[in-house]
N, C-alpha and C. Protein backbone atom coordinates (compact mmCIF):
# COMPACT_ATOMS: atom_id res chain seq x y z
N UNK A 1 19.53 -4.14 12.71
CA UNK A 1 18.85 -2.59 12.03
C UNK A 1 17.43 -3.31 10.95
N UNK A 2 16.42 -3.25 10.88
CA UNK A 2 15.20 -3.48 10.66
C UNK A 2 14.66 -2.94 8.98
N UNK A 3 14.73 -3.44 8.51
CA UNK A 3 14.61 -3.47 7.09
C UNK A 3 13.20 -2.40 6.47
N UNK A 4 13.24 -1.60 6.00
CA UNK A 4 12.00 -1.10 5.57
C UNK A 4 11.24 -1.56 4.21
N UNK A 5 9.91 -1.06 3.93
CA UNK A 5 9.35 -1.70 3.08
C UNK A 5 9.80 -0.62 2.10
N UNK A 6 9.02 0.71 2.38
CA UNK A 6 9.32 1.86 1.77
C UNK A 6 10.67 2.58 2.04
N UNK A 7 11.55 2.98 1.05
CA UNK A 7 12.66 3.72 0.98
C UNK A 7 12.54 5.05 0.26
N UNK A 8 12.00 5.55 -0.46
CA UNK A 8 11.20 7.06 -0.59
C UNK A 8 10.57 7.46 -0.19
N UNK A 9 10.60 9.12 0.15
CA UNK A 9 9.40 9.84 0.77
C UNK A 9 8.05 9.94 0.51
N UNK A 10 7.70 9.54 -1.19
CA UNK A 10 6.51 9.73 -1.87
C UNK A 10 6.10 8.15 -1.79
N UNK A 11 6.99 7.09 -1.87
CA UNK A 11 6.26 5.55 -1.59
C UNK A 11 6.14 5.22 -0.37
N UNK A 12 6.62 6.22 0.76
CA UNK A 12 5.96 5.85 2.20
C UNK A 12 5.05 6.51 2.22
N UNK A 13 4.78 7.52 1.83
CA UNK A 13 3.64 8.04 2.09
C UNK A 13 2.53 7.63 1.32
N UNK A 14 2.59 7.22 -0.08
CA UNK A 14 1.67 6.91 -1.19
C UNK A 14 1.13 5.69 0.25
N UNK A 15 2.24 4.55 0.35
CA UNK A 15 1.68 3.33 0.99
C UNK A 15 0.55 3.71 2.25
N UNK A 16 1.00 4.52 2.86
CA UNK A 16 0.15 4.88 4.10
C UNK A 16 -0.83 5.81 3.86
N UNK A 17 -0.88 6.12 3.16
CA UNK A 17 -2.10 6.85 2.98
C UNK A 17 -3.53 5.82 2.03
N UNK A 18 -2.80 4.87 1.21
CA UNK A 18 -3.31 4.10 0.56
C UNK A 18 -3.74 2.65 2.14
N UNK A 19 -3.18 2.36 2.72
CA UNK A 19 -3.94 1.64 3.88
C UNK A 19 -4.37 2.03 4.58
N UNK A 20 -4.38 3.44 5.01
CA UNK A 20 -5.22 4.07 5.86
C UNK A 20 -6.73 4.36 5.10
N UNK A 21 -6.55 4.59 4.09
CA UNK A 21 -7.87 4.77 3.02
C UNK A 21 -9.05 3.74 2.81
N UNK A 22 -8.10 2.23 2.64
CA UNK A 22 -8.25 1.27 2.40
C UNK A 22 -8.84 0.62 3.87
N UNK A 23 -8.52 0.88 4.78
CA UNK A 23 -9.16 0.43 5.88
C UNK A 23 -10.43 1.34 6.15
N UNK A 24 -10.41 2.54 5.77
CA UNK A 24 -11.43 3.46 6.31
C UNK A 24 -12.72 3.41 5.48
N UNK A 25 -12.38 2.93 4.10
CA UNK A 25 -13.39 2.51 3.36
C UNK A 25 -13.73 0.86 4.09
N UNK A 26 -13.01 0.29 4.13
CA UNK A 26 -13.79 -1.24 4.90
C UNK A 26 -14.82 -1.06 5.31
N UNK A 27 -14.19 -0.37 6.81
CA UNK A 27 -15.13 0.37 8.32
C UNK A 27 -16.65 1.09 7.35
N UNK A 28 -16.28 2.05 7.16
CA UNK A 28 -17.52 2.40 6.82
C UNK A 28 -18.25 1.69 5.83
N UNK A 29 -17.85 1.23 4.87
CA UNK A 29 -19.09 -0.12 4.15
C UNK A 29 -19.11 -0.85 4.89
N UNK A 30 -19.17 -1.32 5.98
CA UNK A 30 -19.62 -2.57 7.18
C UNK A 30 -20.44 -1.66 7.52
N UNK A 31 -20.34 -0.79 7.98
CA UNK A 31 -21.75 0.19 8.85
C UNK A 31 -23.06 0.82 7.59
N UNK A 32 -24.07 0.19 8.52
CA UNK A 32 -24.99 0.27 7.98
C UNK A 32 -25.94 1.65 7.78
N UNK A 33 -24.93 2.70 6.83
CA UNK A 33 -25.46 3.87 6.76
C UNK A 33 -25.90 3.99 5.61
N UNK A 34 -26.36 4.97 5.41
CA UNK A 34 -26.92 5.47 4.15
C UNK A 34 -25.94 6.15 3.26
N UNK A 35 -24.56 6.28 4.10
CA UNK A 35 -23.66 7.08 2.64
C UNK A 35 -22.44 6.18 2.81
N UNK A 36 -22.37 5.29 3.53
CA UNK A 36 -21.57 4.29 3.29
C UNK A 36 -21.14 3.70 1.96
N UNK A 37 -21.99 2.87 1.70
CA UNK A 37 -21.89 2.90 -0.27
C UNK A 37 -21.19 4.30 -0.84
N UNK A 38 -22.08 5.26 -0.91
CA UNK A 38 -21.49 5.97 -1.09
C UNK A 38 -19.53 6.81 -1.21
N UNK A 39 -18.83 6.65 0.31
CA UNK A 39 -17.97 6.91 0.72
C UNK A 39 -17.11 5.72 -0.11
N UNK A 40 -17.41 4.69 -0.14
CA UNK A 40 -16.75 3.18 -0.33
C UNK A 40 -16.19 3.42 -1.73
N UNK A 41 -17.67 3.81 -2.76
CA UNK A 41 -17.31 4.42 -4.04
C UNK A 41 -16.30 5.44 -4.74
N UNK A 42 -16.04 6.08 -3.44
CA UNK A 42 -14.75 6.94 -3.95
C UNK A 42 -13.45 6.94 -3.34
N UNK A 43 -13.76 6.28 -2.12
CA UNK A 43 -12.37 5.98 -1.15
C UNK A 43 -11.91 4.64 -1.93
N UNK A 44 -12.24 3.62 -1.73
CA UNK A 44 -11.95 2.38 -2.22
C UNK A 44 -10.99 2.47 -3.16
N UNK A 45 -11.27 2.94 -4.41
CA UNK A 45 -10.40 3.22 -5.90
C UNK A 45 -9.46 3.94 -5.83
N UNK A 46 -9.52 5.00 -4.74
CA UNK A 46 -8.17 6.32 -4.60
C UNK A 46 -7.32 4.98 -3.68
N UNK A 47 -7.73 3.95 -3.01
CA UNK A 47 -6.38 3.54 -2.02
C UNK A 47 -6.13 2.58 -2.73
N UNK A 48 -6.67 1.92 -3.74
CA UNK A 48 -5.95 1.25 -5.00
C UNK A 48 -4.50 1.79 -5.63
N UNK A 49 -5.24 2.76 -5.87
CA UNK A 49 -4.18 3.92 -6.60
C UNK A 49 -2.95 4.19 -5.99
N UNK A 50 -3.38 4.54 -4.59
CA UNK A 50 -2.40 5.41 -4.12
C UNK A 50 -1.49 3.90 -3.64
N UNK A 51 -2.07 2.70 -3.76
CA UNK A 51 -1.07 1.47 -3.20
C UNK A 51 -0.29 1.20 -4.76
N UNK A 52 -0.91 1.37 -5.23
CA UNK A 52 0.20 0.88 -6.87
C UNK A 52 0.86 2.26 -7.41
N UNK A 53 0.66 3.31 -7.07
CA UNK A 53 1.63 4.32 -6.89
C UNK A 53 2.57 4.42 -6.22
N UNK A 54 2.61 3.48 -4.96
CA UNK A 54 3.53 3.57 -3.85
C UNK A 54 4.44 2.26 -4.50
N UNK A 55 3.96 1.43 -5.19
CA UNK A 55 4.22 0.46 -5.76
C UNK A 55 5.60 0.45 -6.97
N UNK A 56 4.88 1.50 -7.55
CA UNK A 56 5.90 2.14 -8.93
C UNK A 56 7.38 2.53 -8.32
N UNK A 57 7.11 3.48 -7.66
CA UNK A 57 8.18 4.34 -6.59
C UNK A 57 8.65 3.25 -6.41
N UNK A 58 8.36 2.41 -5.21
CA UNK A 58 9.06 1.58 -4.76
C UNK A 58 10.37 0.50 -5.32
N UNK A 59 9.40 0.17 -6.62
CA UNK A 59 9.85 -1.09 -7.03
C UNK A 59 11.05 -0.56 -8.16
N UNK A 60 10.50 0.90 -8.72
CA UNK A 60 11.87 1.56 -9.39
C UNK A 60 13.05 1.92 -8.72
N UNK A 61 12.66 2.31 -7.34
CA UNK A 61 13.89 2.22 -6.28
C UNK A 61 14.52 1.24 -5.97
N UNK A 62 13.88 0.14 -6.22
CA UNK A 62 14.52 -1.36 -5.86
C UNK A 62 15.92 -1.30 -7.05
N UNK A 63 15.63 -1.18 -8.58
CA UNK A 63 16.14 -1.00 -9.64
C UNK A 63 15.65 -1.84 -10.81
N UNK A 64 14.09 -1.81 -10.60
CA UNK A 64 13.49 -2.79 -11.71
C UNK A 64 12.56 -2.03 -12.20
N UNK A 65 12.44 -2.00 -13.35
CA UNK A 65 10.95 -1.37 -14.31
C UNK A 65 10.17 -1.89 -14.06
N UNK A 66 8.87 -0.62 -13.80
CA UNK A 66 8.31 -1.44 -12.56
C UNK A 66 7.20 -1.56 -14.19
N UNK A 67 7.36 -1.91 -15.37
CA UNK A 67 6.16 -2.08 -16.21
C UNK A 67 6.74 -3.72 -16.34
N UNK A 68 7.99 -3.66 -16.39
CA UNK A 68 8.34 -5.41 -16.56
C UNK A 68 8.69 -6.19 -15.66
N UNK A 69 8.35 -5.43 -14.53
CA UNK A 69 8.49 -6.49 -13.23
C UNK A 69 6.79 -7.29 -12.57
N UNK A 70 7.23 -8.45 -12.36
CA UNK A 70 6.06 -9.09 -12.18
C UNK A 70 5.76 -9.04 -10.81
N UNK A 71 6.20 -8.11 -9.89
CA UNK A 71 6.22 -7.51 -8.68
C UNK A 71 5.24 -6.34 -8.81
N UNK A 72 5.25 -5.83 -9.81
CA UNK A 72 4.25 -4.32 -9.52
C UNK A 72 2.96 -4.67 -10.35
N UNK A 73 3.16 -5.71 -11.47
CA UNK A 73 1.85 -6.25 -11.96
C UNK A 73 0.68 -6.73 -10.36
N UNK A 74 1.86 -7.95 -9.95
CA UNK A 74 0.89 -8.63 -8.45
C UNK A 74 0.74 -7.26 -7.46
N UNK A 75 1.07 -6.51 -7.29
CA UNK A 75 0.57 -6.08 -6.10
C UNK A 75 -0.19 -5.13 -6.37
N UNK A 76 -0.24 -4.62 -7.80
CA UNK A 76 -1.35 -3.46 -8.40
C UNK A 76 -2.70 -4.47 -8.74
N UNK A 77 -2.34 -5.95 -8.50
CA UNK A 77 -4.14 -6.65 -9.32
C UNK A 77 -4.05 -6.93 -7.43
N UNK A 78 -3.41 -6.97 -6.64
CA UNK A 78 -3.73 -7.90 -5.22
C UNK A 78 -4.64 -6.43 -4.47
N UNK A 79 -4.24 -5.15 -4.86
CA UNK A 79 -4.59 -3.92 -4.07
C UNK A 79 -6.35 -3.92 -4.45
N UNK A 80 -6.94 -4.80 -5.17
CA UNK A 80 -8.33 -4.89 -5.69
C UNK A 80 -8.83 -5.77 -3.90
N UNK A 81 -8.59 -6.66 -3.49
CA UNK A 81 -8.82 -7.41 -2.59
C UNK A 81 -8.86 -6.62 -1.33
N UNK A 82 -10.21 -7.48 -0.43
CA UNK A 82 -10.69 -6.13 0.79
C UNK A 82 -9.34 -6.38 1.62
N UNK A 83 -9.44 -7.31 2.06
CA UNK A 83 -8.45 -7.38 3.46
C UNK A 83 -7.56 -7.85 3.12
N UNK A 84 -6.61 -8.48 2.74
CA UNK A 84 -5.85 -9.11 2.40
C UNK A 84 -5.10 -8.72 0.91
N UNK A 85 -5.74 -8.02 0.53
CA UNK A 85 -5.01 -7.06 -0.75
C UNK A 85 -3.65 -6.34 -0.68
N UNK A 86 -3.60 -5.19 0.48
CA UNK A 86 -2.48 -4.48 0.69
C UNK A 86 -1.11 -5.19 1.66
N UNK A 87 -1.88 -6.24 2.28
CA UNK A 87 -0.62 -6.92 3.06
C UNK A 87 0.09 -7.72 1.60
N UNK A 88 -0.23 -7.90 0.64
CA UNK A 88 0.23 -9.11 -0.78
C UNK A 88 1.03 -7.73 -1.05
N UNK A 89 -0.04 -6.88 -1.33
CA UNK A 89 1.24 -5.39 -2.01
C UNK A 89 2.38 -5.43 -1.51
N UNK A 90 2.52 -5.38 -0.39
CA UNK A 90 3.33 -4.72 0.58
C UNK A 90 4.59 -5.86 0.52
N UNK A 91 3.84 -7.10 0.16
CA UNK A 91 5.13 -8.47 0.26
C UNK A 91 5.51 -8.36 -0.80
N UNK A 92 4.50 -7.80 -1.65
CA UNK A 92 5.16 -7.84 -3.15
C UNK A 92 6.48 -6.74 -3.40
N UNK A 93 6.48 -5.42 -2.99
CA UNK A 93 7.45 -4.45 -2.97
C UNK A 93 8.78 -5.04 -1.73
N UNK A 94 8.16 -5.47 -0.90
CA UNK A 94 9.50 -6.16 0.25
C UNK A 94 10.44 -6.90 -0.36
N UNK A 95 9.72 -8.12 -1.38
CA UNK A 95 10.44 -9.12 -2.04
C UNK A 95 11.24 -8.55 -3.36
N UNK A 96 10.62 -7.50 -3.48
CA UNK A 96 11.35 -6.66 -4.64
C UNK A 96 12.78 -5.98 -4.32
N UNK A 97 12.53 -5.38 -3.12
CA UNK A 97 13.76 -4.77 -2.90
C UNK A 97 15.08 -5.88 -1.81
N UNK A 98 13.92 -6.82 -1.12
CA UNK A 98 15.20 -7.51 -0.56
C UNK A 98 15.53 -8.84 -1.17
N UNK A 99 15.04 -9.09 -2.55
CA UNK A 99 15.55 -10.74 -2.91
C UNK A 99 14.72 -11.52 -2.49
N UNK A 100 13.34 -11.25 -2.35
CA UNK A 100 12.19 -12.56 -2.44
C UNK A 100 12.78 -12.86 -0.77
N UNK A 101 13.02 -12.72 0.07
CA UNK A 101 13.38 -13.02 1.45
C UNK A 101 12.58 -12.19 2.32
N UNK A 102 11.46 -13.00 2.75
CA UNK A 102 10.51 -12.29 3.42
C UNK A 102 10.69 -12.57 5.10
N UNK A 103 11.56 -12.62 5.43
CA UNK A 103 11.61 -12.84 7.19
C UNK A 103 11.48 -11.90 7.83
N UNK A 104 11.44 -10.55 7.01
CA UNK A 104 11.25 -9.13 8.25
C UNK A 104 10.24 -8.42 7.74
N UNK A 105 9.29 -9.06 7.11
CA UNK A 105 8.25 -8.58 6.51
C UNK A 105 6.97 -7.45 7.75
N UNK A 106 6.83 -8.53 8.58
CA UNK A 106 5.94 -8.10 9.67
C UNK A 106 7.00 -6.98 10.26
N UNK A 107 7.47 -7.15 11.18
CA UNK A 107 7.78 -5.79 11.71
C UNK A 107 8.22 -4.81 11.01
N UNK A 108 8.71 -5.14 9.38
CA UNK A 108 8.71 -3.91 8.34
C UNK A 108 7.26 -3.31 8.10
N UNK A 109 5.92 -4.06 8.21
CA UNK A 109 5.12 -3.59 7.96
C UNK A 109 4.51 -2.31 9.11
N UNK A 110 4.29 -3.23 10.44
CA UNK A 110 4.34 -2.43 11.37
C UNK A 110 5.14 -0.70 11.54
N UNK A 111 6.49 -1.24 11.60
CA UNK A 111 7.61 -0.20 11.62
C UNK A 111 7.52 0.94 10.34
N UNK A 112 6.22 0.57 9.39
CA UNK A 112 6.04 1.96 8.65
C UNK A 112 5.87 2.99 9.31
N UNK A 113 6.13 4.29 8.67
CA UNK A 113 6.04 5.99 8.72
C UNK A 113 5.81 6.27 7.96
N UNK A 114 4.78 7.33 8.17
CA UNK A 114 4.70 8.52 7.17
C UNK A 114 4.78 9.94 7.29
N UNK A 115 5.00 10.96 6.73
CA UNK A 115 5.06 12.12 7.11
C UNK A 115 4.40 12.93 7.78
N UNK A 116 4.31 13.46 9.01
CA UNK A 116 3.26 14.18 9.77
C UNK A 116 2.32 14.94 9.01
N UNK A 117 2.94 15.66 8.08
CA UNK A 117 2.02 16.96 7.23
C UNK A 117 0.70 15.48 6.92
N UNK A 118 1.12 14.74 6.58
CA UNK A 118 0.78 14.05 5.29
C UNK A 118 -0.70 13.20 6.24
N UNK A 119 -0.60 12.79 7.26
CA UNK A 119 -1.14 12.34 8.15
C UNK A 119 -2.75 13.03 8.70
N UNK A 120 -1.93 14.71 8.64
CA UNK A 120 -3.43 15.49 9.24
C UNK A 120 -4.04 15.63 8.18
N UNK A 121 -3.55 15.57 6.79
CA UNK A 121 -3.96 15.41 5.93
C UNK A 121 -5.34 14.56 5.55
N UNK A 122 -4.75 13.24 6.10
CA UNK A 122 -6.15 12.15 5.94
C UNK A 122 -6.64 12.54 7.39
């Protein structure tokens, strides 16, 4: 049985929305378009907030107090990094849920699913 990074519905949707917005902001800013920087300035902070909100919910569901756990601080700080930030944040959440055993992290990342209505909103 494959382990999941996100066990709650809100956490799963927030993490997926954060990942999608993070990738969209990076792709759009890399294009030489007039509105690319404006889009990036709006979407990138929203993606960081979504990843941090998903981290709070999932770390709380793992039995930790988010403001007292180093995993939340590491995940929140890592969301600012452009490419590796979401991977670090997801690994911190995975470590909080499964006792720092990162053996199934990559399959869990590719196995993440969000609810269908949330995907239509994005």
